[in-house]
mmCIF file of all heavy atoms, coordinates in Angstrom:
data_MODEL
# 
_entry.id   MODEL 
# 
loop_
_atom_site.group_PDB 
_atom_site.id 
_atom_site.type_symbol 
_atom_site.label_atom_id 
_atom_site.label_alt_id 
_atom_site.label_comp_id 
_atom_site.label_asym_id 
_atom_site.label_entity_id 
_atom_site.label_seq_id 
_atom_site.pdbx_PDB_ins_code 
_atom_site.Cartn_x 
_atom_site.Cartn_y 
_atom_site.Cartn_z 
_atom_site.occupancy 
_atom_site.B_iso_or_equiv 
_atom_site.pdbx_formal_charge 
_atom_site.auth_seq_id 
_atom_site.auth_comp_id 
_atom_site.auth_asym_id 
_atom_site.auth_atom_id 
_atom_site.pdbx_PDB_model_num 
ATOM 1   N N   . ARG A 1 1  ? 21.841 28.430 9.928  1.00 0.00 ? 1  ARG A N   1 
ATOM 2   C CA  . ARG A 1 1  ? 22.369 29.809 9.680  1.00 0.00 ? 1  ARG A CA  1 
ATOM 3   C C   . ARG A 1 1  ? 23.909 29.926 10.139 1.00 0.00 ? 1  ARG A C   1 
ATOM 4   O O   . ARG A 1 1  ? 24.488 31.060 9.869  1.00 0.00 ? 1  ARG A O   1 
ATOM 5   C CB  . ARG A 1 1  ? 21.529 30.915 10.455 1.00 0.00 ? 1  ARG A CB  1 
ATOM 6   C CG  . ARG A 1 1  ? 20.207 31.101 9.843  1.00 0.00 ? 1  ARG A CG  1 
ATOM 7   C CD  . ARG A 1 1  ? 19.688 32.432 10.449 1.00 0.00 ? 1  ARG A CD  1 
ATOM 8   N NE  . ARG A 1 1  ? 19.556 32.463 11.916 1.00 0.00 ? 1  ARG A NE  1 
ATOM 9   C CZ  . ARG A 1 1  ? 18.480 32.239 12.638 1.00 0.00 ? 1  ARG A CZ  1 
ATOM 10  N NH1 . ARG A 1 1  ? 17.286 32.048 11.911 1.00 0.00 ? 1  ARG A NH1 1 
ATOM 11  N NH2 . ARG A 1 1  ? 18.484 32.154 13.892 1.00 0.00 ? 1  ARG A NH2 1 
ATOM 12  N N   . GLU A 1 2  ? 24.473 28.949 10.718 1.00 0.00 ? 2  GLU A N   1 
ATOM 13  C CA  . GLU A 1 2  ? 25.833 28.949 11.148 1.00 0.00 ? 2  GLU A CA  1 
ATOM 14  C C   . GLU A 1 2  ? 26.605 29.241 9.851  1.00 0.00 ? 2  GLU A C   1 
ATOM 15  O O   . GLU A 1 2  ? 26.566 28.536 8.964  1.00 0.00 ? 2  GLU A O   1 
ATOM 16  C CB  . GLU A 1 2  ? 26.256 27.814 11.829 1.00 0.00 ? 2  GLU A CB  1 
ATOM 17  C CG  . GLU A 1 2  ? 27.601 27.809 12.352 1.00 0.00 ? 2  GLU A CG  1 
ATOM 18  C CD  . GLU A 1 2  ? 28.014 28.867 13.243 1.00 0.00 ? 2  GLU A CD  1 
ATOM 19  O OE1 . GLU A 1 2  ? 27.282 29.086 14.247 1.00 0.00 ? 2  GLU A OE1 1 
ATOM 20  O OE2 . GLU A 1 2  ? 28.944 29.666 13.032 1.00 0.00 ? 2  GLU A OE2 1 
ATOM 21  N N   . LYS A 1 3  ? 27.516 30.347 10.006 1.00 0.00 ? 3  LYS A N   1 
ATOM 22  C CA  . LYS A 1 3  ? 28.275 30.734 8.868  1.00 0.00 ? 3  LYS A CA  1 
ATOM 23  C C   . LYS A 1 3  ? 29.665 30.214 8.905  1.00 0.00 ? 3  LYS A C   1 
ATOM 24  O O   . LYS A 1 3  ? 30.483 30.425 7.922  1.00 0.00 ? 3  LYS A O   1 
ATOM 25  C CB  . LYS A 1 3  ? 28.298 32.243 8.781  1.00 0.00 ? 3  LYS A CB  1 
ATOM 26  C CG  . LYS A 1 3  ? 26.968 32.900 8.668  1.00 0.00 ? 3  LYS A CG  1 
ATOM 27  C CD  . LYS A 1 3  ? 26.145 32.478 7.410  1.00 0.00 ? 3  LYS A CD  1 
ATOM 28  C CE  . LYS A 1 3  ? 24.875 33.348 7.446  1.00 0.00 ? 3  LYS A CE  1 
ATOM 29  N NZ  . LYS A 1 3  ? 23.876 32.744 6.678  1.00 0.00 ? 3  LYS A NZ  1 
ATOM 30  N N   . GLN A 1 4  ? 30.017 29.441 9.890  1.00 0.00 ? 4  GLN A N   1 
ATOM 31  C CA  . GLN A 1 4  ? 31.503 29.052 10.026 1.00 0.00 ? 4  GLN A CA  1 
ATOM 32  C C   . GLN A 1 4  ? 31.780 27.718 9.551  1.00 0.00 ? 4  GLN A C   1 
ATOM 33  O O   . GLN A 1 4  ? 32.892 27.165 9.493  1.00 0.00 ? 4  GLN A O   1 
ATOM 34  C CB  . GLN A 1 4  ? 32.025 29.288 11.607 1.00 0.00 ? 4  GLN A CB  1 
ATOM 35  C CG  . GLN A 1 4  ? 31.906 30.674 11.893 1.00 0.00 ? 4  GLN A CG  1 
ATOM 36  C CD  . GLN A 1 4  ? 32.260 30.822 13.417 1.00 0.00 ? 4  GLN A CD  1 
ATOM 37  O OE1 . GLN A 1 4  ? 32.504 29.759 14.176 1.00 0.00 ? 4  GLN A OE1 1 
ATOM 38  N NE2 . GLN A 1 4  ? 32.389 31.975 13.968 1.00 0.00 ? 4  GLN A NE2 1 
ATOM 39  N N   . PHE A 1 5  ? 30.694 26.883 9.365  1.00 0.00 ? 5  PHE A N   1 
ATOM 40  C CA  . PHE A 1 5  ? 30.864 25.522 8.956  1.00 0.00 ? 5  PHE A CA  1 
ATOM 41  C C   . PHE A 1 5  ? 29.547 25.104 8.163  1.00 0.00 ? 5  PHE A C   1 
ATOM 42  O O   . PHE A 1 5  ? 28.636 25.667 8.216  1.00 0.00 ? 5  PHE A O   1 
ATOM 43  C CB  . PHE A 1 5  ? 31.177 24.646 10.135 1.00 0.00 ? 5  PHE A CB  1 
ATOM 44  C CG  . PHE A 1 5  ? 30.151 24.748 11.204 1.00 0.00 ? 5  PHE A CG  1 
ATOM 45  C CD1 . PHE A 1 5  ? 29.028 24.046 11.248 1.00 0.00 ? 5  PHE A CD1 1 
ATOM 46  C CD2 . PHE A 1 5  ? 30.529 25.465 12.296 1.00 0.00 ? 5  PHE A CD2 1 
ATOM 47  C CE1 . PHE A 1 5  ? 27.959 24.268 12.197 1.00 0.00 ? 5  PHE A CE1 1 
ATOM 48  C CE2 . PHE A 1 5  ? 29.629 25.548 13.389 1.00 0.00 ? 5  PHE A CE2 1 
ATOM 49  C CZ  . PHE A 1 5  ? 28.412 24.818 13.260 1.00 0.00 ? 5  PHE A CZ  1 
ATOM 50  N N   . VAL A 1 6  ? 29.739 24.010 7.418  1.00 0.00 ? 6  VAL A N   1 
ATOM 51  C CA  . VAL A 1 6  ? 28.608 23.443 6.696  1.00 0.00 ? 6  VAL A CA  1 
ATOM 52  C C   . VAL A 1 6  ? 27.671 22.937 7.641  1.00 0.00 ? 6  VAL A C   1 
ATOM 53  O O   . VAL A 1 6  ? 27.920 22.166 8.575  1.00 0.00 ? 6  VAL A O   1 
ATOM 54  C CB  . VAL A 1 6  ? 29.213 22.258 5.776  1.00 0.00 ? 6  VAL A CB  1 
ATOM 55  C CG1 . VAL A 1 6  ? 28.061 21.582 5.009  1.00 0.00 ? 6  VAL A CG1 1 
ATOM 56  C CG2 . VAL A 1 6  ? 30.278 22.824 4.818  1.00 0.00 ? 6  VAL A CG2 1 
ATOM 57  N N   . SER A 1 7  ? 26.357 23.191 7.379  1.00 0.00 ? 7  SER A N   1 
ATOM 58  C CA  . SER A 1 7  ? 25.332 22.784 8.250  1.00 0.00 ? 7  SER A CA  1 
ATOM 59  C C   . SER A 1 7  ? 24.003 22.475 7.387  1.00 0.00 ? 7  SER A C   1 
ATOM 60  O O   . SER A 1 7  ? 23.728 23.395 6.494  1.00 0.00 ? 7  SER A O   1 
ATOM 61  C CB  . SER A 1 7  ? 25.035 23.659 9.448  1.00 0.00 ? 7  SER A CB  1 
ATOM 62  O OG  . SER A 1 7  ? 24.713 24.946 8.955  1.00 0.00 ? 7  SER A OG  1 
ATOM 63  N N   . VAL A 1 8  ? 23.244 21.528 7.694  1.00 0.00 ? 8  VAL A N   1 
ATOM 64  C CA  . VAL A 1 8  ? 21.951 21.304 6.905  1.00 0.00 ? 8  VAL A CA  1 
ATOM 65  C C   . VAL A 1 8  ? 20.964 20.715 8.002  1.00 0.00 ? 8  VAL A C   1 
ATOM 66  O O   . VAL A 1 8  ? 21.261 20.304 9.062  1.00 0.00 ? 8  VAL A O   1 
ATOM 67  C CB  . VAL A 1 8  ? 22.143 20.158 5.836  1.00 0.00 ? 8  VAL A CB  1 
ATOM 68  C CG1 . VAL A 1 8  ? 22.987 20.763 4.712  1.00 0.00 ? 8  VAL A CG1 1 
ATOM 69  C CG2 . VAL A 1 8  ? 22.601 18.969 6.369  1.00 0.00 ? 8  VAL A CG2 1 
ATOM 70  N N   . LEU A 1 9  ? 19.788 20.765 7.640  1.00 0.00 ? 9  LEU A N   1 
ATOM 71  C CA  . LEU A 1 9  ? 18.715 20.231 8.387  1.00 0.00 ? 9  LEU A CA  1 
ATOM 72  C C   . LEU A 1 9  ? 17.761 19.285 7.528  1.00 0.00 ? 9  LEU A C   1 
ATOM 73  O O   . LEU A 1 9  ? 17.461 19.612 6.431  1.00 0.00 ? 9  LEU A O   1 
ATOM 74  C CB  . LEU A 1 9  ? 17.670 21.343 8.876  1.00 0.00 ? 9  LEU A CB  1 
ATOM 75  C CG  . LEU A 1 9  ? 16.424 20.889 9.621  1.00 0.00 ? 9  LEU A CG  1 
ATOM 76  C CD1 . LEU A 1 9  ? 16.764 20.135 10.904 1.00 0.00 ? 9  LEU A CD1 1 
ATOM 77  C CD2 . LEU A 1 9  ? 15.536 22.066 9.833  1.00 0.00 ? 9  LEU A CD2 1 
ATOM 78  N N   . VAL A 1 10 ? 17.927 18.023 7.948  1.00 0.00 ? 10 VAL A N   1 
ATOM 79  C CA  . VAL A 1 10 ? 17.185 16.857 7.199  1.00 0.00 ? 10 VAL A CA  1 
ATOM 80  C C   . VAL A 1 10 ? 15.814 16.659 7.742  1.00 0.00 ? 10 VAL A C   1 
ATOM 81  O O   . VAL A 1 10 ? 15.648 16.387 8.822  1.00 0.00 ? 10 VAL A O   1 
ATOM 82  C CB  . VAL A 1 10 ? 18.054 15.591 7.321  1.00 0.00 ? 10 VAL A CB  1 
ATOM 83  C CG1 . VAL A 1 10 ? 17.459 14.477 6.304  1.00 0.00 ? 10 VAL A CG1 1 
ATOM 84  C CG2 . VAL A 1 10 ? 19.504 15.821 6.713  1.00 0.00 ? 10 VAL A CG2 1 
ATOM 85  N N   . GLU A 1 11 ? 14.768 16.676 6.847  1.00 0.00 ? 11 GLU A N   1 
ATOM 86  C CA  . GLU A 1 11 ? 13.444 16.274 7.184  1.00 0.00 ? 11 GLU A CA  1 
ATOM 87  C C   . GLU A 1 11 ? 13.142 14.921 6.501  1.00 0.00 ? 11 GLU A C   1 
ATOM 88  O O   . GLU A 1 11 ? 13.170 14.869 5.262  1.00 0.00 ? 11 GLU A O   1 
ATOM 89  C CB  . GLU A 1 11 ? 12.392 17.368 6.748  1.00 0.00 ? 11 GLU A CB  1 
ATOM 90  C CG  . GLU A 1 11 ? 11.049 17.283 7.244  1.00 0.00 ? 11 GLU A CG  1 
ATOM 91  C CD  . GLU A 1 11 ? 10.231 18.396 6.999  1.00 0.00 ? 11 GLU A CD  1 
ATOM 92  O OE1 . GLU A 1 11 ? 9.731  18.605 5.736  1.00 0.00 ? 11 GLU A OE1 1 
ATOM 93  O OE2 . GLU A 1 11 ? 10.057 19.260 7.972  1.00 0.00 ? 11 GLU A OE2 1 
ATOM 94  N N   . VAL A 1 12 ? 12.959 13.917 7.242  1.00 0.00 ? 12 VAL A N   1 
ATOM 95  C CA  . VAL A 1 12 ? 12.773 12.585 6.788  1.00 0.00 ? 12 VAL A CA  1 
ATOM 96  C C   . VAL A 1 12 ? 11.393 12.150 6.494  1.00 0.00 ? 12 VAL A C   1 
ATOM 97  O O   . VAL A 1 12 ? 11.073 11.277 5.796  1.00 0.00 ? 12 VAL A O   1 
ATOM 98  C CB  . VAL A 1 12 ? 13.522 11.499 7.648  1.00 0.00 ? 12 VAL A CB  1 
ATOM 99  C CG1 . VAL A 1 12 ? 15.017 11.712 7.701  1.00 0.00 ? 12 VAL A CG1 1 
ATOM 100 C CG2 . VAL A 1 12 ? 12.813 11.437 9.039  1.00 0.00 ? 12 VAL A CG2 1 
ATOM 101 N N   . GLY A 1 13 ? 10.418 12.906 7.031  1.00 0.00 ? 13 GLY A N   1 
ATOM 102 C CA  . GLY A 1 13 ? 9.037  12.620 6.801  1.00 0.00 ? 13 GLY A CA  1 
ATOM 103 C C   . GLY A 1 13 ? 8.084  13.364 7.668  1.00 0.00 ? 13 GLY A C   1 
ATOM 104 O O   . GLY A 1 13 ? 8.587  14.323 8.453  1.00 0.00 ? 13 GLY A O   1 
ATOM 105 N N   . PHE A 1 14 ? 6.840  13.342 7.452  1.00 0.00 ? 14 PHE A N   1 
ATOM 106 C CA  . PHE A 1 14 ? 5.899  14.042 8.179  1.00 0.00 ? 14 PHE A CA  1 
ATOM 107 C C   . PHE A 1 14 ? 4.992  13.055 9.055  1.00 0.00 ? 14 PHE A C   1 
ATOM 108 O O   . PHE A 1 14 ? 4.352  12.222 8.522  1.00 0.00 ? 14 PHE A O   1 
ATOM 109 C CB  . PHE A 1 14 ? 5.008  14.857 7.201  1.00 0.00 ? 14 PHE A CB  1 
ATOM 110 C CG  . PHE A 1 14 ? 5.625  15.760 6.293  1.00 0.00 ? 14 PHE A CG  1 
ATOM 111 C CD1 . PHE A 1 14 ? 6.006  15.427 5.073  1.00 0.00 ? 14 PHE A CD1 1 
ATOM 112 C CD2 . PHE A 1 14 ? 6.024  17.043 6.784  1.00 0.00 ? 14 PHE A CD2 1 
ATOM 113 C CE1 . PHE A 1 14 ? 6.767  16.295 4.160  1.00 0.00 ? 14 PHE A CE1 1 
ATOM 114 C CE2 . PHE A 1 14 ? 6.690  17.991 5.928  1.00 0.00 ? 14 PHE A CE2 1 
ATOM 115 C CZ  . PHE A 1 14 ? 7.120  17.633 4.584  1.00 0.00 ? 14 PHE A CZ  1 
ATOM 116 N N   . VAL A 1 15 ? 5.007  13.399 10.366 1.00 0.00 ? 15 VAL A N   1 
ATOM 117 C CA  . VAL A 1 15 ? 4.259  12.579 11.277 1.00 0.00 ? 15 VAL A CA  1 
ATOM 118 C C   . VAL A 1 15 ? 2.830  12.660 11.157 1.00 0.00 ? 15 VAL A C   1 
ATOM 119 O O   . VAL A 1 15 ? 2.023  11.880 11.674 1.00 0.00 ? 15 VAL A O   1 
ATOM 120 C CB  . VAL A 1 15 ? 4.819  12.639 12.726 1.00 0.00 ? 15 VAL A CB  1 
ATOM 121 C CG1 . VAL A 1 15 ? 6.222  12.258 12.875 1.00 0.00 ? 15 VAL A CG1 1 
ATOM 122 C CG2 . VAL A 1 15 ? 4.537  14.126 13.238 1.00 0.00 ? 15 VAL A CG2 1 
ATOM 123 N N   . ASN A 1 16 ? 2.340  13.789 10.552 1.00 0.00 ? 16 ASN A N   1 
ATOM 124 C CA  . ASN A 1 16 ? 0.981  14.059 10.292 1.00 0.00 ? 16 ASN A CA  1 
ATOM 125 C C   . ASN A 1 16 ? 0.425  13.294 9.090  1.00 0.00 ? 16 ASN A C   1 
ATOM 126 O O   . ASN A 1 16 ? -0.774 13.408 8.749  1.00 0.00 ? 16 ASN A O   1 
ATOM 127 C CB  . ASN A 1 16 ? 0.562  15.525 10.404 1.00 0.00 ? 16 ASN A CB  1 
ATOM 128 C CG  . ASN A 1 16 ? 1.200  16.302 9.164  1.00 0.00 ? 16 ASN A CG  1 
ATOM 129 O OD1 . ASN A 1 16 ? 2.127  15.929 8.601  1.00 0.00 ? 16 ASN A OD1 1 
ATOM 130 N ND2 . ASN A 1 16 ? 0.790  17.497 9.047  1.00 0.00 ? 16 ASN A ND2 1 
ATOM 131 N N   . ASN A 1 17 ? 1.372  12.716 8.311  1.00 0.00 ? 17 ASN A N   1 
ATOM 132 C CA  . ASN A 1 17 ? 0.942  11.832 7.169  1.00 0.00 ? 17 ASN A CA  1 
ATOM 133 C C   . ASN A 1 17 ? 0.842  10.534 7.607  1.00 0.00 ? 17 ASN A C   1 
ATOM 134 O O   . ASN A 1 17 ? 1.953  9.842  7.988  1.00 0.00 ? 17 ASN A O   1 
ATOM 135 C CB  . ASN A 1 17 ? 1.970  12.152 6.030  1.00 0.00 ? 17 ASN A CB  1 
ATOM 136 C CG  . ASN A 1 17 ? 1.680  11.305 4.750  1.00 0.00 ? 17 ASN A CG  1 
ATOM 137 O OD1 . ASN A 1 17 ? 1.324  10.092 4.953  1.00 0.00 ? 17 ASN A OD1 1 
ATOM 138 N ND2 . ASN A 1 17 ? 1.907  11.920 3.715  1.00 0.00 ? 17 ASN A ND2 1 
ATOM 139 N N   . PRO A 1 18 ? -0.403 9.835  7.711  1.00 0.00 ? 18 PRO A N   1 
ATOM 140 C CA  . PRO A 1 18 ? -0.418 8.491  8.087  1.00 0.00 ? 18 PRO A CA  1 
ATOM 141 C C   . PRO A 1 18 ? 0.403  7.483  7.489  1.00 0.00 ? 18 PRO A C   1 
ATOM 142 O O   . PRO A 1 18 ? 1.036  6.431  8.166  1.00 0.00 ? 18 PRO A O   1 
ATOM 143 C CB  . PRO A 1 18 ? -1.897 8.112  7.969  1.00 0.00 ? 18 PRO A CB  1 
ATOM 144 C CG  . PRO A 1 18 ? -2.604 9.465  7.823  1.00 0.00 ? 18 PRO A CG  1 
ATOM 145 C CD  . PRO A 1 18 ? -1.561 10.365 7.324  1.00 0.00 ? 18 PRO A CD  1 
ATOM 146 N N   . GLU A 1 19 ? 0.579  7.527  6.199  1.00 0.00 ? 19 GLU A N   1 
ATOM 147 C CA  . GLU A 1 19 ? 1.478  6.621  5.481  1.00 0.00 ? 19 GLU A CA  1 
ATOM 148 C C   . GLU A 1 19 ? 2.957  6.768  5.891  1.00 0.00 ? 19 GLU A C   1 
ATOM 149 O O   . GLU A 1 19 ? 3.677  5.920  6.174  1.00 0.00 ? 19 GLU A O   1 
ATOM 150 C CB  . GLU A 1 19 ? 1.350  6.801  3.937  1.00 0.00 ? 19 GLU A CB  1 
ATOM 151 C CG  . GLU A 1 19 ? 2.154  6.001  3.160  1.00 0.00 ? 19 GLU A CG  1 
ATOM 152 C CD  . GLU A 1 19 ? 2.043  6.127  1.614  1.00 0.00 ? 19 GLU A CD  1 
ATOM 153 O OE1 . GLU A 1 19 ? 1.531  7.130  1.218  1.00 0.00 ? 19 GLU A OE1 1 
ATOM 154 O OE2 . GLU A 1 19 ? 2.330  5.249  0.870  1.00 0.00 ? 19 GLU A OE2 1 
ATOM 155 N N   . GLU A 1 20 ? 3.446  8.091  5.980  1.00 0.00 ? 20 GLU A N   1 
ATOM 156 C CA  . GLU A 1 20 ? 4.780  8.256  6.466  1.00 0.00 ? 20 GLU A CA  1 
ATOM 157 C C   . GLU A 1 20 ? 5.043  7.895  7.950  1.00 0.00 ? 20 GLU A C   1 
ATOM 158 O O   . GLU A 1 20 ? 6.033  7.379  8.316  1.00 0.00 ? 20 GLU A O   1 
ATOM 159 C CB  . GLU A 1 20 ? 5.122  9.703  6.085  1.00 0.00 ? 20 GLU A CB  1 
ATOM 160 C CG  . GLU A 1 20 ? 5.390  9.884  4.694  1.00 0.00 ? 20 GLU A CG  1 
ATOM 161 C CD  . GLU A 1 20 ? 5.781  11.260 4.249  1.00 0.00 ? 20 GLU A CD  1 
ATOM 162 O OE1 . GLU A 1 20 ? 6.250  12.087 5.292  1.00 0.00 ? 20 GLU A OE1 1 
ATOM 163 O OE2 . GLU A 1 20 ? 5.768  11.755 3.124  1.00 0.00 ? 20 GLU A OE2 1 
ATOM 164 N N   . LEU A 1 21 ? 4.007  8.109  8.693  1.00 0.00 ? 21 LEU A N   1 
ATOM 165 C CA  . LEU A 1 21 ? 4.124  7.811  10.176 1.00 0.00 ? 21 LEU A CA  1 
ATOM 166 C C   . LEU A 1 21 ? 4.224  6.365  10.281 1.00 0.00 ? 21 LEU A C   1 
ATOM 167 O O   . LEU A 1 21 ? 5.074  5.904  11.100 1.00 0.00 ? 21 LEU A O   1 
ATOM 168 C CB  . LEU A 1 21 ? 2.823  8.355  10.921 1.00 0.00 ? 21 LEU A CB  1 
ATOM 169 C CG  . LEU A 1 21 ? 2.954  8.045  12.457 1.00 0.00 ? 21 LEU A CG  1 
ATOM 170 C CD1 . LEU A 1 21 ? 3.985  8.766  13.178 1.00 0.00 ? 21 LEU A CD1 1 
ATOM 171 C CD2 . LEU A 1 21 ? 1.636  8.476  13.154 1.00 0.00 ? 21 LEU A CD2 1 
ATOM 172 N N   . LYS A 1 22 ? 3.549  5.656  9.587  1.00 0.00 ? 22 LYS A N   1 
ATOM 173 C CA  . LYS A 1 22 ? 3.631  4.173  9.631  1.00 0.00 ? 22 LYS A CA  1 
ATOM 174 C C   . LYS A 1 22 ? 5.221  3.690  9.254  1.00 0.00 ? 22 LYS A C   1 
ATOM 175 O O   . LYS A 1 22 ? 5.750  2.891  9.928  1.00 0.00 ? 22 LYS A O   1 
ATOM 176 C CB  . LYS A 1 22 ? 2.613  3.468  8.684  1.00 0.00 ? 22 LYS A CB  1 
ATOM 177 C CG  . LYS A 1 22 ? 2.703  1.907  8.669  1.00 0.00 ? 22 LYS A CG  1 
ATOM 178 C CD  . LYS A 1 22 ? 1.588  1.419  7.803  1.00 0.00 ? 22 LYS A CD  1 
ATOM 179 C CE  . LYS A 1 22 ? 1.713  -0.160 7.840  1.00 0.00 ? 22 LYS A CE  1 
ATOM 180 N NZ  . LYS A 1 22 ? 0.689  -0.731 6.986  1.00 0.00 ? 22 LYS A NZ  1 
ATOM 181 N N   . LEU A 1 23 ? 5.619  4.358  8.259  1.00 0.00 ? 23 LEU A N   1 
ATOM 182 C CA  . LEU A 1 23 ? 6.977  4.041  7.764  1.00 0.00 ? 23 LEU A CA  1 
ATOM 183 C C   . LEU A 1 23 ? 7.938  4.375  8.893  1.00 0.00 ? 23 LEU A C   1 
ATOM 184 O O   . LEU A 1 23 ? 9.004  3.724  9.070  1.00 0.00 ? 23 LEU A O   1 
ATOM 185 C CB  . LEU A 1 23 ? 7.352  4.579  6.342  1.00 0.00 ? 23 LEU A CB  1 
ATOM 186 C CG  . LEU A 1 23 ? 6.604  4.086  5.268  1.00 0.00 ? 23 LEU A CG  1 
ATOM 187 C CD1 . LEU A 1 23 ? 6.721  4.993  4.043  1.00 0.00 ? 23 LEU A CD1 1 
ATOM 188 C CD2 . LEU A 1 23 ? 6.933  2.654  4.952  1.00 0.00 ? 23 LEU A CD2 1 
ATOM 189 N N   . LEU A 1 24 ? 7.802  5.526  9.396  1.00 0.00 ? 24 LEU A N   1 
ATOM 190 C CA  . LEU A 1 24 ? 8.786  5.988  10.524 1.00 0.00 ? 24 LEU A CA  1 
ATOM 191 C C   . LEU A 1 24 ? 8.676  5.051  11.707 1.00 0.00 ? 24 LEU A C   1 
ATOM 192 O O   . LEU A 1 24 ? 9.683  5.018  12.518 1.00 0.00 ? 24 LEU A O   1 
ATOM 193 C CB  . LEU A 1 24 ? 8.482  7.417  10.902 1.00 0.00 ? 24 LEU A CB  1 
ATOM 194 C CG  . LEU A 1 24 ? 8.726  8.602  9.810  1.00 0.00 ? 24 LEU A CG  1 
ATOM 195 C CD1 . LEU A 1 24 ? 8.038  9.720  10.209 1.00 0.00 ? 24 LEU A CD1 1 
ATOM 196 C CD2 . LEU A 1 24 ? 10.173 8.629  9.594  1.00 0.00 ? 24 LEU A CD2 1 
ATOM 197 N N   . HIS A 1 25 ? 7.573  4.374  12.009 1.00 0.00 ? 25 HIS A N   1 
ATOM 198 C CA  . HIS A 1 25 ? 7.572  3.508  13.135 1.00 0.00 ? 25 HIS A CA  1 
ATOM 199 C C   . HIS A 1 25 ? 8.361  2.277  13.008 1.00 0.00 ? 25 HIS A C   1 
ATOM 200 O O   . HIS A 1 25 ? 8.655  1.523  13.956 1.00 0.00 ? 25 HIS A O   1 
ATOM 201 C CB  . HIS A 1 25 ? 6.073  3.092  13.293 1.00 0.00 ? 25 HIS A CB  1 
ATOM 202 C CG  . HIS A 1 25 ? 5.270  4.133  14.287 1.00 0.00 ? 25 HIS A CG  1 
ATOM 203 N ND1 . HIS A 1 25 ? 5.611  4.245  15.606 1.00 0.00 ? 25 HIS A ND1 1 
ATOM 204 C CD2 . HIS A 1 25 ? 4.342  4.892  13.936 1.00 0.00 ? 25 HIS A CD2 1 
ATOM 205 C CE1 . HIS A 1 25 ? 4.693  5.176  16.065 1.00 0.00 ? 25 HIS A CE1 1 
ATOM 206 N NE2 . HIS A 1 25 ? 3.950  5.570  15.070 1.00 0.00 ? 25 HIS A NE2 1 
ATOM 207 N N   . ASN A 1 26 ? 8.749  1.810  11.648 1.00 0.00 ? 26 ASN A N   1 
ATOM 208 C CA  . ASN A 1 26 ? 9.464  0.712  11.399 1.00 0.00 ? 26 ASN A CA  1 
ATOM 209 C C   . ASN A 1 26 ? 10.962 0.960  11.660 1.00 0.00 ? 26 ASN A C   1 
ATOM 210 O O   . ASN A 1 26 ? 11.544 1.773  10.919 1.00 0.00 ? 26 ASN A O   1 
ATOM 211 C CB  . ASN A 1 26 ? 9.184  0.273  10.075 1.00 0.00 ? 26 ASN A CB  1 
ATOM 212 C CG  . ASN A 1 26 ? 9.819  -0.949 9.585  1.00 0.00 ? 26 ASN A CG  1 
ATOM 213 O OD1 . ASN A 1 26 ? 11.051 -1.064 9.762  1.00 0.00 ? 26 ASN A OD1 1 
ATOM 214 N ND2 . ASN A 1 26 ? 9.145  -1.890 8.983  1.00 0.00 ? 26 ASN A ND2 1 
ATOM 215 N N   . SER A 1 27 ? 11.594 0.268  12.451 1.00 0.00 ? 27 SER A N   1 
ATOM 216 C CA  . SER A 1 27 ? 12.970 0.523  12.793 1.00 0.00 ? 27 SER A CA  1 
ATOM 217 C C   . SER A 1 27 ? 13.970 0.304  11.741 1.00 0.00 ? 27 SER A C   1 
ATOM 218 O O   . SER A 1 27 ? 14.903 0.915  11.536 1.00 0.00 ? 27 SER A O   1 
ATOM 219 C CB  . SER A 1 27 ? 13.502 -0.259 14.079 1.00 0.00 ? 27 SER A CB  1 
ATOM 220 O OG  . SER A 1 27 ? 13.374 -1.727 13.714 1.00 0.00 ? 27 SER A OG  1 
# 
């Protein structure tokens, strides 16, 4: 919501999805 500069929120995966959680565990 900051109006003075560009800002975004990145969601890279869902930890409640077993397949995505496994991928997120890999460095």
